[in-house]
């Protein structure tokens, strides 16, 4: 049992702080928006590979949403632990830039493409990682905190899968620095051993 200094014991179901309620509400609202967006975009996907990614990510994200709602409402462990999202593709990127048309907002639904749809999905996964991280750092309830924290690597993995998909289709180009500049940055930090901590006596 937890204690509220004004009202006394706090049940597990009500073991939530104010910041937690608002931030988890924001994260769950973001999850609903992302799931709704996937459902709306699905009929417009042309590439079977992208459709497979969308369907796998939708099923996984829906399950994560459900267990987050469960533990948020009860304050207790959900019906099953958070899973681990796994991509089907490898993790090879193609580096370098080639000429491409400038990106601009579409003017009609007819312009919707797999490039645009995969961009929506990528933005939603990145946003989910940020919102869940922020909510986890504000969460008092240990179960909700763990479920949110365990979900963040899954958002990152989904974003990674989508960025690889975009890169392989030349939607997402990745510039590299000159090797000398890259080497200088890579070598601009050095490791250090653990220091002997001084004994300090509190007065």
C-alpha atoms as a PDB file:
ATOM      1  CA  UNK A   1       0.000   0.000   0.000  1.00  0.00           C
ATOM      2  CA  UNK A   2       1.074   3.550  -0.709  1.00  0.00           C
ATOM      3  CA  UNK A   3       0.230   6.621   1.292  1.00  0.00           C
ATOM      4  CA  UNK A   4      -1.379   9.945   0.397  1.00  0.00           C
ATOM      5  CA  UNK A   5      -0.449  12.504   3.063  1.00  0.00           C
ATOM      6  CA  UNK A   6      -3.985  13.949   2.997  1.00  0.00           C
ATOM      7  CA  UNK A   7      -6.317  11.020   2.410  1.00  0.00           C
ATOM      8  CA  UNK A   8      -4.414   8.010   3.745  1.00  0.00           C
ATOM      9  CA  UNK A   9      -3.749   4.635   2.038  1.00  0.00           C
ATOM     10  CA  UNK A  10      -3.651   4.510  -1.765  1.00  0.00           C
ATOM     11  CA  UNK A  11      -4.827   1.314  -3.474  1.00  0.00           C
ATOM     12  CA  UNK A  12      -2.803  -0.284  -6.286  1.00  0.00           C
ATOM     13  CA  UNK A  13      -5.484   0.835  -8.774  1.00  0.00           C
ATOM     14  CA  UNK A  14      -5.059   4.481  -7.739  1.00  0.00           C
ATOM     15  CA  UNK A  15      -1.270   4.313  -7.466  1.00  0.00           C
ATOM     16  CA  UNK A  16      -0.727   7.054 -10.069  1.00  0.00           C
ATOM     17  CA  UNK A  17       0.634  10.596  -9.808  1.00  0.00           C
ATOM     18  CA  UNK A  18      -0.788  13.587 -11.639  1.00  0.00           C
ATOM     19  CA  UNK A  19       2.068  13.898 -14.139  1.00  0.00           C
ATOM     20  CA  UNK A  20       1.838  10.158 -14.764  1.00  0.00           C
ATOM     21  CA  UNK A  21      -1.878  10.337 -15.569  1.00  0.00           C
ATOM     22  CA  UNK A  22      -1.410  13.116 -18.079  1.00  0.00           C
ATOM     23  CA  UNK A  23       1.697  11.652 -19.746  1.00  0.00           C
ATOM     24  CA  UNK A  24       0.333   8.095 -19.985  1.00  0.00           C
ATOM     25  CA  UNK A  25      -2.932   9.553 -21.321  1.00  0.00           C
ATOM     26  CA  UNK A  26      -0.851  11.351 -23.963  1.00  0.00           C
ATOM     27  CA  UNK A  27       1.090   8.173 -24.846  1.00  0.00           C
ATOM     28  CA  UNK A  28      -2.100   6.088 -25.127  1.00  0.00           C
ATOM     29  CA  UNK A  29      -3.762   8.781 -27.257  1.00  0.00           C
ATOM     30  CA  UNK A  30      -0.707   8.708 -29.525  1.00  0.00           C
ATOM     31  CA  UNK A  31      -0.978   4.916 -29.776  1.00  0.00           C
ATOM     32  CA  UNK A  32      -4.657   5.167 -30.740  1.00  0.00           C
ATOM     33  CA  UNK A  33      -3.840   7.799 -33.371  1.00  0.00           C
ATOM     34  CA  UNK A  34      -1.042   5.626 -34.822  1.00  0.00           C
ATOM     35  CA  UNK A  35      -3.273   2.527 -34.939  1.00  0.00           C
ATOM     36  CA  UNK A  36      -6.099   4.511 -36.552  1.00  0.00           C
ATOM     37  CA  UNK A  37      -3.687   5.931 -39.118  1.00  0.00           C
ATOM     38  CA  UNK A  38      -2.435   2.443 -40.005  1.00  0.00           C
ATOM     39  CA  UNK A  39      -5.995   1.215 -40.499  1.00  0.00           C
ATOM     40  CA  UNK A  40      -6.848   4.188 -42.733  1.00  0.00           C
ATOM     41  CA  UNK A  41      -3.656   3.908 -44.807  1.00  0.00           C
ATOM     42  CA  UNK A  42      -3.739   0.129 -45.251  1.00  0.00           C
ATOM     43  CA  UNK A  43      -6.073   0.085 -48.332  1.00  0.00           C
ATOM     44  CA  UNK A  44      -3.711   2.488 -50.145  1.00  0.00           C
ATOM     45  CA  UNK A  45      -0.546   0.365 -49.782  1.00  0.00           C
ATOM     46  CA  UNK A  46       0.656  -1.088 -53.102  1.00  0.00           C
ATOM     47  CA  UNK A  47       3.895  -2.882 -52.156  1.00  0.00           C
ATOM     48  CA  UNK A  48       3.312  -6.347 -50.572  1.00  0.00           C
ATOM     49  CA  UNK A  49       6.477  -5.910 -48.476  1.00  0.00           C
ATOM     50  CA  UNK A  50       5.199  -2.664 -46.972  1.00  0.00           C
ATOM     51  CA  UNK A  51       1.779  -4.228 -46.392  1.00  0.00           C
ATOM     52  CA  UNK A  52       3.440  -7.081 -44.498  1.00  0.00           C
ATOM     53  CA  UNK A  53       5.372  -4.593 -42.343  1.00  0.00           C
ATOM     54  CA  UNK A  54       2.216  -2.572 -41.666  1.00  0.00           C
ATOM     55  CA  UNK A  55       0.183  -5.652 -40.692  1.00  0.00           C
ATOM     56  CA  UNK A  56       2.890  -7.094 -38.413  1.00  0.00           C
ATOM     57  CA  UNK A  57       3.477  -3.729 -36.741  1.00  0.00           C
ATOM     58  CA  UNK A  58      -0.269  -3.122 -36.342  1.00  0.00           C
ATOM     59  CA  UNK A  59      -0.851  -6.467 -34.606  1.00  0.00           C
ATOM     60  CA  UNK A  60       2.098  -5.948 -32.297  1.00  0.00           C
ATOM     61  CA  UNK A  61       1.245  -2.302 -31.483  1.00  0.00           C
ATOM     62  CA  UNK A  62      -2.389  -3.187 -30.795  1.00  0.00           C
ATOM     63  CA  UNK A  63      -1.325  -5.854 -28.307  1.00  0.00           C
ATOM     64  CA  UNK A  64       1.039  -3.410 -26.582  1.00  0.00           C
ATOM     65  CA  UNK A  65      -1.732  -0.815 -26.431  1.00  0.00           C
ATOM     66  CA  UNK A  66      -4.097  -3.350 -24.814  1.00  0.00           C
ATOM     67  CA  UNK A  67      -1.671  -4.447 -22.096  1.00  0.00           C
ATOM     68  CA  UNK A  68      -0.746  -0.813 -21.353  1.00  0.00           C
ATOM     69  CA  UNK A  69      -4.432   0.042 -20.887  1.00  0.00           C
ATOM     70  CA  UNK A  70      -4.846  -3.049 -18.662  1.00  0.00           C
ATOM     71  CA  UNK A  71      -2.058  -2.158 -16.242  1.00  0.00           C
ATOM     72  CA  UNK A  72      -2.908   1.573 -16.317  1.00  0.00           C
ATOM     73  CA  UNK A  73      -6.494   0.861 -15.235  1.00  0.00           C
ATOM     74  CA  UNK A  74      -5.676  -1.777 -12.612  1.00  0.00           C
ATOM     75  CA  UNK A  75      -2.184  -0.838 -11.438  1.00  0.00           C
ATOM     76  CA  UNK A  76      -1.348  -4.555 -11.643  1.00  0.00           C
ATOM     77  CA  UNK A  77       0.529  -6.811 -14.047  1.00  0.00           C
ATOM     78  CA  UNK A  78      -1.240  -7.120 -17.423  1.00  0.00           C
ATOM     79  CA  UNK A  79      -2.528 -10.475 -18.724  1.00  0.00           C
ATOM     80  CA  UNK A  80       0.875 -11.157 -20.345  1.00  0.00           C
ATOM     81  CA  UNK A  81       4.297  -9.474 -20.453  1.00  0.00           C
ATOM     82  CA  UNK A  82       5.376  -7.037 -23.149  1.00  0.00           C
ATOM     83  CA  UNK A  83       6.612  -8.907 -26.220  1.00  0.00           C
ATOM     84  CA  UNK A  84       9.676  -8.195 -28.285  1.00  0.00           C
ATOM     85  CA  UNK A  85       9.155  -6.907 -31.830  1.00  0.00           C
ATOM     86  CA  UNK A  86      11.447  -8.505 -34.393  1.00  0.00           C
ATOM     87  CA  UNK A  87      11.978  -7.327 -37.951  1.00  0.00           C
ATOM     88  CA  UNK A  88      12.068  -9.702 -40.896  1.00  0.00           C
ATOM     89  CA  UNK A  89      14.683  -7.761 -42.861  1.00  0.00           C
ATOM     90  CA  UNK A  90      18.419  -7.403 -42.373  1.00  0.00           C
ATOM     91  CA  UNK A  91      19.983  -4.156 -41.213  1.00  0.00           C
ATOM     92  CA  UNK A  92      22.026  -3.124 -44.242  1.00  0.00           C
ATOM     93  CA  UNK A  93      21.812   0.522 -45.277  1.00  0.00           C
ATOM     94  CA  UNK A  94      22.889   2.054 -48.568  1.00  0.00           C
ATOM     95  CA  UNK A  95      24.838   5.259 -47.895  1.00  0.00           C
ATOM     96  CA  UNK A  96      25.149   8.214 -50.234  1.00  0.00           C
ATOM     97  CA  UNK A  97      22.914  10.674 -51.992  1.00  0.00           C
ATOM     98  CA  UNK A  98      21.596  10.685 -55.531  1.00  0.00           C
ATOM     99  CA  UNK A  99      19.557  13.441 -57.206  1.00  0.00           C
ATOM    100  CA  UNK A 100      15.846  13.329 -56.358  1.00  0.00           C
ATOM    101  CA  UNK A 101      12.804  15.531 -56.742  1.00  0.00           C
ATOM    102  CA  UNK A 102      12.211  17.905 -53.793  1.00  0.00           C
ATOM    103  CA  UNK A 103       9.620  16.704 -51.300  1.00  0.00           C
ATOM    104  CA  UNK A 104       6.427  18.745 -51.028  1.00  0.00           C
ATOM    105  CA  UNK A 105       2.946  18.283 -49.531  1.00  0.00           C
ATOM    106  CA  UNK A 106       0.490  16.348 -51.674  1.00  0.00           C
ATOM    107  CA  UNK A 107      -2.515  18.172 -53.090  1.00  0.00           C
ATOM    108  CA  UNK A 108      -4.913  15.226 -53.366  1.00  0.00           C
ATOM    109  CA  UNK A 109      -5.464  11.697 -52.082  1.00  0.00           C
ATOM    110  CA  UNK A 110      -4.539  10.384 -55.546  1.00  0.00           C
ATOM    111  CA  UNK A 111      -0.895  11.322 -54.841  1.00  0.00           C
ATOM    112  CA  UNK A 112      -0.704   9.006 -51.811  1.00  0.00           C
ATOM    113  CA  UNK A 113       2.175   6.547 -52.366  1.00  0.00           C
ATOM    114  CA  UNK A 114       4.104   3.852 -50.530  1.00  0.00           C
ATOM    115  CA  UNK A 115       6.828   6.431 -49.936  1.00  0.00           C
ATOM    116  CA  UNK A 116       4.375   8.748 -48.165  1.00  0.00           C
ATOM    117  CA  UNK A 117       2.672   5.916 -46.263  1.00  0.00           C
ATOM    118  CA  UNK A 118       5.970   4.474 -45.013  1.00  0.00           C
ATOM    119  CA  UNK A 119       6.910   8.023 -43.954  1.00  0.00           C
ATOM    120  CA  UNK A 120       3.701   8.292 -41.884  1.00  0.00           C
ATOM    121  CA  UNK A 121       4.441   4.943 -40.235  1.00  0.00           C
ATOM    122  CA  UNK A 122       8.041   5.922 -39.509  1.00  0.00           C
ATOM    123  CA  UNK A 123       6.966   9.223 -37.928  1.00  0.00           C
ATOM    124  CA  UNK A 124       4.383   7.428 -35.756  1.00  0.00           C
ATOM    125  CA  UNK A 125       6.967   4.890 -34.500  1.00  0.00           C
ATOM    126  CA  UNK A 126       9.465   7.654 -33.660  1.00  0.00           C
ATOM    127  CA  UNK A 127       6.758   9.653 -31.902  1.00  0.00           C
ATOM    128  CA  UNK A 128       5.697   6.580 -29.900  1.00  0.00           C
ATOM    129  CA  UNK A 129       9.272   6.048 -28.689  1.00  0.00           C
ATOM    130  CA  UNK A 130       9.479   9.667 -27.488  1.00  0.00           C
ATOM    131  CA  UNK A 131       6.062   9.765 -25.816  1.00  0.00           C
ATOM    132  CA  UNK A 132       6.490   6.425 -24.033  1.00  0.00           C
ATOM    133  CA  UNK A 133       9.966   7.400 -22.813  1.00  0.00           C
ATOM    134  CA  UNK A 134       8.657  10.676 -21.401  1.00  0.00           C
ATOM    135  CA  UNK A 135       5.657   8.949 -19.798  1.00  0.00           C
ATOM    136  CA  UNK A 136       7.860   6.245 -18.237  1.00  0.00           C
ATOM    137  CA  UNK A 137      10.089   8.852 -16.586  1.00  0.00           C
ATOM    138  CA  UNK A 138       7.009  10.469 -14.990  1.00  0.00           C
ATOM    139  CA  UNK A 139       5.320   7.232 -13.873  1.00  0.00           C
ATOM    140  CA  UNK A 140       5.025   6.307 -10.173  1.00  0.00           C
ATOM    141  CA  UNK A 141       3.290   2.956 -10.637  1.00  0.00           C
ATOM    142  CA  UNK A 142       6.097   0.383 -11.076  1.00  0.00           C
ATOM    143  CA  UNK A 143       4.071  -1.920 -13.358  1.00  0.00           C
ATOM    144  CA  UNK A 144       3.013   0.865 -15.726  1.00  0.00           C
ATOM    145  CA  UNK A 145       6.562   2.242 -15.739  1.00  0.00           C
ATOM    146  CA  UNK A 146       7.973  -1.171 -16.700  1.00  0.00           C
ATOM    147  CA  UNK A 147       5.373  -1.788 -19.440  1.00  0.00           C
ATOM    148  CA  UNK A 148       6.041   1.648 -20.972  1.00  0.00           C
ATOM    149  CA  UNK A 149       9.826   1.249 -20.701  1.00  0.00           C
ATOM    150  CA  UNK A 150       9.693  -2.237 -22.250  1.00  0.00           C
ATOM    151  CA  UNK A 151       7.650  -0.826 -25.132  1.00  0.00           C
ATOM    152  CA  UNK A 152      10.235   1.815 -26.107  1.00  0.00           C
ATOM    153  CA  UNK A 153      12.734  -0.625 -27.714  1.00  0.00           C
ATOM    154  CA  UNK A 154       9.850  -2.032 -29.772  1.00  0.00           C
ATOM    155  CA  UNK A 155       9.005   1.436 -31.128  1.00  0.00           C
ATOM    156  CA  UNK A 156      12.681   1.906 -31.971  1.00  0.00           C
ATOM    157  CA  UNK A 157      12.808  -1.464 -33.754  1.00  0.00           C
ATOM    158  CA  UNK A 158       9.674  -0.622 -35.780  1.00  0.00           C
ATOM    159  CA  UNK A 159      11.156   2.745 -36.767  1.00  0.00           C
ATOM    160  CA  UNK A 160      14.404   1.012 -37.734  1.00  0.00           C
ATOM    161  CA  UNK A 161      12.549  -1.525 -39.892  1.00  0.00           C
ATOM    162  CA  UNK A 162      10.689   1.280 -41.676  1.00  0.00           C
ATOM    163  CA  UNK A 163      13.822   3.365 -42.197  1.00  0.00           C
ATOM    164  CA  UNK A 164      15.554   0.335 -43.769  1.00  0.00           C
ATOM    165  CA  UNK A 165      12.508  -0.225 -46.003  1.00  0.00           C
ATOM    166  CA  UNK A 166      12.587   3.438 -47.059  1.00  0.00           C
ATOM    167  CA  UNK A 167      16.339   3.354 -47.616  1.00  0.00           C
ATOM    168  CA  UNK A 168      16.162   0.228 -49.803  1.00  0.00           C
ATOM    169  CA  UNK A 169      13.546   1.943 -51.987  1.00  0.00           C
ATOM    170  CA  UNK A 170      15.600   5.182 -52.151  1.00  0.00           C
ATOM    171  CA  UNK A 171      12.946   7.141 -50.222  1.00  0.00           C
ATOM    172  CA  UNK A 172      15.326   7.737 -47.300  1.00  0.00           C
ATOM    173  CA  UNK A 173      18.821   8.663 -48.394  1.00  0.00           C
ATOM    174  CA  UNK A 174      21.691   8.726 -45.915  1.00  0.00           C
ATOM    175  CA  UNK A 175      24.644  11.056 -46.483  1.00  0.00           C
ATOM    176  CA  UNK A 176      28.033  10.253 -44.961  1.00  0.00           C
ATOM    177  CA  UNK A 177      30.824  12.568 -43.903  1.00  0.00           C
ATOM    178  CA  UNK A 178      34.200  12.338 -45.582  1.00  0.00           C
ATOM    179  CA  UNK A 179      36.157   9.450 -44.038  1.00  0.00           C
ATOM    180  CA  UNK A 180      38.760  11.755 -42.460  1.00  0.00           C
ATOM    181  CA  UNK A 181      36.014  13.818 -40.775  1.00  0.00           C
ATOM    182  CA  UNK A 182      34.185  10.672 -39.669  1.00  0.00           C
ATOM    183  CA  UNK A 183      37.400   9.200 -38.240  1.00  0.00           C
ATOM    184  CA  UNK A 184      38.116  12.408 -36.329  1.00  0.00           C
ATOM    185  CA  UNK A 185      34.675  12.354 -34.700  1.00  0.00           C
ATOM    186  CA  UNK A 186      34.885   8.608 -33.957  1.00  0.00           C
ATOM    187  CA  UNK A 187      38.238   9.183 -32.218  1.00  0.00           C
ATOM    188  CA  UNK A 188      37.198  12.337 -30.334  1.00  0.00           C
ATOM    189  CA  UNK A 189      36.308  10.392 -27.167  1.00  0.00           C
ATOM    190  CA  UNK A 190      38.384   8.029 -25.029  1.00  0.00           C
ATOM    191  CA  UNK A 191      37.363   5.525 -22.381  1.00  0.00           C
ATOM    192  CA  UNK A 192      38.555   5.831 -18.785  1.00  0.00           C
ATOM    193  CA  UNK A 193      38.839   3.399 -15.892  1.00  0.00           C
ATOM    194  CA  UNK A 194      36.698   3.518 -12.778  1.00  0.00           C
ATOM    195  CA  UNK A 195      38.176   6.018 -10.284  1.00  0.00           C
ATOM    196  CA  UNK A 196      38.752   5.144  -6.653  1.00  0.00           C
ATOM    197  CA  UNK A 197      35.927   6.996  -4.940  1.00  0.00           C
ATOM    198  CA  UNK A 198      37.033   8.971  -1.865  1.00  0.00           C
ATOM    199  CA  UNK A 199      35.554   7.952   1.487  1.00  0.00           C
ATOM    200  CA  UNK A 200      33.260  10.724   2.602  1.00  0.00           C
ATOM    201  CA  UNK A 201      31.637  10.688   6.005  1.00  0.00           C
ATOM    202  CA  UNK A 202      28.374  12.522   6.336  1.00  0.00           C
ATOM    203  CA  UNK A 203      28.281  14.822   9.377  1.00  0.00           C
END
